[in-house]
Amino acid sequence: MNLTTNAARAGTDCKLSKGDHPFIAQDSYISYGDALEITPTKAKNLEELIEKKFIHTHAPIEEKYVTKICAAAMTSKAFQVRLRRYL
């Protein structure tokens, strides 16, 4: 999943607003169609990219928003059914 301001691309299954997280500056939407299963190899690659500063991390999001994101994923037509087991 990723976060985008493009509601037409992501759909409006889950909207987050300015103030929900310091990174969010305007209405944004979870793009469930972009969700990927991360294998151990992919996880290692991501960790290396973070260490090399190619990927920048942000502060964790509050649990209430994680709950909101997961609940919307369970009903989103864009979220792959096989990935629901991770929620």
C-alpha atoms as a PDB file:
ATOM      1  CA  MET A   1       0.000   0.000   0.000  1.00  0.00           C
ATOM      2  CA  ASN A   2       1.024   3.564  -0.348  1.00  0.00           C
ATOM      3  CA  LEU A   3      -0.301   6.994   0.414  1.00  0.00           C
ATOM      4  CA  THR A   4      -1.255   9.396  -2.372  1.00  0.00           C
ATOM      5  CA  THR A   5      -3.187  12.633  -2.823  1.00  0.00           C
ATOM      6  CA  ASN A   6      -4.618  11.246  -6.074  1.00  0.00           C
ATOM      7  CA  ALA A   7      -8.061   9.983  -5.058  1.00  0.00           C
ATOM      8  CA  ALA A   8      -8.882   8.944  -8.629  1.00  0.00           C
ATOM      9  CA  ARG A   9      -5.873   6.642  -8.684  1.00  0.00           C
ATOM     10  CA  ALA A  10      -6.151   5.257  -5.155  1.00  0.00           C
ATOM     11  CA  GLY A  11      -9.883   5.281  -4.611  1.00  0.00           C
ATOM     12  CA  THR A  12     -11.472   6.684  -1.506  1.00  0.00           C
ATOM     13  CA  ASP A  13     -11.685   3.537   0.637  1.00  0.00           C
ATOM     14  CA  CYS A  14      -9.477   5.151   3.285  1.00  0.00           C
ATOM     15  CA  LYS A  15      -8.856   8.877   3.569  1.00  0.00           C
ATOM     16  CA  LEU A  16      -6.301  10.425   5.908  1.00  0.00           C
ATOM     17  CA  SER A  17      -6.175  14.147   6.547  1.00  0.00           C
ATOM     18  CA  LYS A  18      -3.670  16.796   7.557  1.00  0.00           C
ATOM     19  CA  GLY A  19      -2.905  16.266  11.221  1.00  0.00           C
ATOM     20  CA  ASP A  20      -3.390  12.491  11.151  1.00  0.00           C
ATOM     21  CA  HIS A  21       0.404  12.207  10.815  1.00  0.00           C
ATOM     22  CA  PRO A  22       3.155  14.842  10.561  1.00  0.00           C
ATOM     23  CA  PHE A  23       3.975  13.679   6.994  1.00  0.00           C
ATOM     24  CA  ILE A  24       0.412  14.253   5.756  1.00  0.00           C
ATOM     25  CA  ALA A  25      -0.027  17.833   4.519  1.00  0.00           C
ATOM     26  CA  GLN A  26      -3.361  17.446   2.706  1.00  0.00           C
ATOM     27  CA  ASP A  27      -6.132  14.927   2.186  1.00  0.00           C
ATOM     28  CA  SER A  28      -4.506  11.661   1.156  1.00  0.00           C
ATOM     29  CA  TYR A  29      -5.715   8.175   0.327  1.00  0.00           C
ATOM     30  CA  ILE A  30      -4.395   4.668   0.872  1.00  0.00           C
ATOM     31  CA  SER A  31      -3.730   3.010  -2.470  1.00  0.00           C
ATOM     32  CA  TYR A  32      -4.660  -0.580  -1.672  1.00  0.00           C
ATOM     33  CA  GLY A  33      -4.006  -1.694  -5.240  1.00  0.00           C
ATOM     34  CA  ASP A  34      -0.304  -1.051  -4.667  1.00  0.00           C
ATOM     35  CA  ALA A  35      -0.030  -3.476  -1.733  1.00  0.00           C
ATOM     36  CA  LEU A  36       2.779  -6.013  -2.044  1.00  0.00           C
ATOM     37  CA  GLU A  37       3.748  -9.115  -0.133  1.00  0.00           C
ATOM     38  CA  ILE A  38       7.236  -8.570   1.247  1.00  0.00           C
ATOM     39  CA  THR A  39       9.383 -11.698   1.270  1.00  0.00           C
ATOM     40  CA  PRO A  40      12.457 -11.954   3.490  1.00  0.00           C
ATOM     41  CA  THR A  41      14.632 -11.156   0.462  1.00  0.00           C
ATOM     42  CA  LYS A  42      12.569  -8.073  -0.391  1.00  0.00           C
ATOM     43  CA  ALA A  43      12.668  -6.993   3.264  1.00  0.00           C
ATOM     44  CA  LYS A  44      16.467  -7.245   3.270  1.00  0.00           C
ATOM     45  CA  ASN A  45      16.625  -5.194   0.064  1.00  0.00           C
ATOM     46  CA  LEU A  46      14.381  -2.527   1.605  1.00  0.00           C
ATOM     47  CA  GLU A  47      16.529  -2.390   4.735  1.00  0.00           C
ATOM     48  CA  GLU A  48      19.624  -1.881   2.579  1.00  0.00           C
ATOM     49  CA  LEU A  49      17.930   0.932   0.640  1.00  0.00           C
ATOM     50  CA  ILE A  50      16.962   2.606   3.922  1.00  0.00           C
ATOM     51  CA  GLU A  51      20.541   2.302   5.219  1.00  0.00           C
ATOM     52  CA  LYS A  52      21.856   3.844   1.981  1.00  0.00           C
ATOM     53  CA  LYS A  53      19.316   6.693   2.308  1.00  0.00           C
ATOM     54  CA  PHE A  54      17.567   5.832  -0.979  1.00  0.00           C
ATOM     55  CA  ILE A  55      14.376   5.330   1.037  1.00  0.00           C
ATOM     56  CA  HIS A  56      13.468   7.690   3.863  1.00  0.00           C
ATOM     57  CA  THR A  57      11.335   6.529   6.763  1.00  0.00           C
ATOM     58  CA  HIS A  58       8.899   8.584   8.818  1.00  0.00           C
ATOM     59  CA  ALA A  59       7.624   8.414  12.371  1.00  0.00           C
ATOM     60  CA  PRO A  60       5.185   5.568  13.053  1.00  0.00           C
ATOM     61  CA  ILE A  61       1.511   6.353  12.596  1.00  0.00           C
ATOM     62  CA  GLU A  62      -0.820   6.165  15.597  1.00  0.00           C
ATOM     63  CA  GLU A  63      -2.516   2.826  16.224  1.00  0.00           C
ATOM     64  CA  LYS A  64      -6.005   4.258  15.650  1.00  0.00           C
ATOM     65  CA  TYR A  65      -5.027   5.060  12.040  1.00  0.00           C
ATOM     66  CA  VAL A  66      -3.473   1.626  11.535  1.00  0.00           C
ATOM     67  CA  THR A  67      -6.791   0.171  12.703  1.00  0.00           C
ATOM     68  CA  LYS A  68      -8.651   2.427  10.257  1.00  0.00           C
ATOM     69  CA  ILE A  69      -6.356   1.462   7.365  1.00  0.00           C
ATOM     70  CA  CYS A  70      -6.673  -2.266   8.103  1.00  0.00           C
ATOM     71  CA  ALA A  71     -10.461  -2.114   8.482  1.00  0.00           C
ATOM     72  CA  ALA A  72     -10.825  -0.387   5.118  1.00  0.00           C
ATOM     73  CA  ALA A  73      -8.448  -2.916   3.514  1.00  0.00           C
ATOM     74  CA  MET A  74     -10.755  -5.738   4.570  1.00  0.00           C
ATOM     75  CA  THR A  75     -13.551  -4.316   2.413  1.00  0.00           C
ATOM     76  CA  SER A  76     -11.541  -2.655  -0.352  1.00  0.00           C
ATOM     77  CA  LYS A  77     -12.012  -4.205  -3.787  1.00  0.00           C
ATOM     78  CA  ALA A  78      -8.499  -3.021  -4.702  1.00  0.00           C
ATOM     79  CA  PHE A  79      -6.787  -4.910  -1.849  1.00  0.00           C
ATOM     80  CA  GLN A  80      -5.804  -8.445  -2.819  1.00  0.00           C
ATOM     81  CA  VAL A  81      -7.821 -10.981  -0.828  1.00  0.00           C
ATOM     82  CA  ARG A  82      -4.719 -13.172  -0.357  1.00  0.00           C
ATOM     83  CA  LEU A  83      -3.019 -10.333   1.541  1.00  0.00           C
ATOM     84  CA  ARG A  84      -5.791  -9.990   4.135  1.00  0.00           C
ATOM     85  CA  ARG A  85      -4.150 -12.667   6.271  1.00  0.00           C
ATOM     86  CA  TYR A  86      -1.467 -10.116   7.186  1.00  0.00           C
ATOM     87  CA  LEU A  87      -3.984  -7.750   8.699  1.00  0.00           C
END
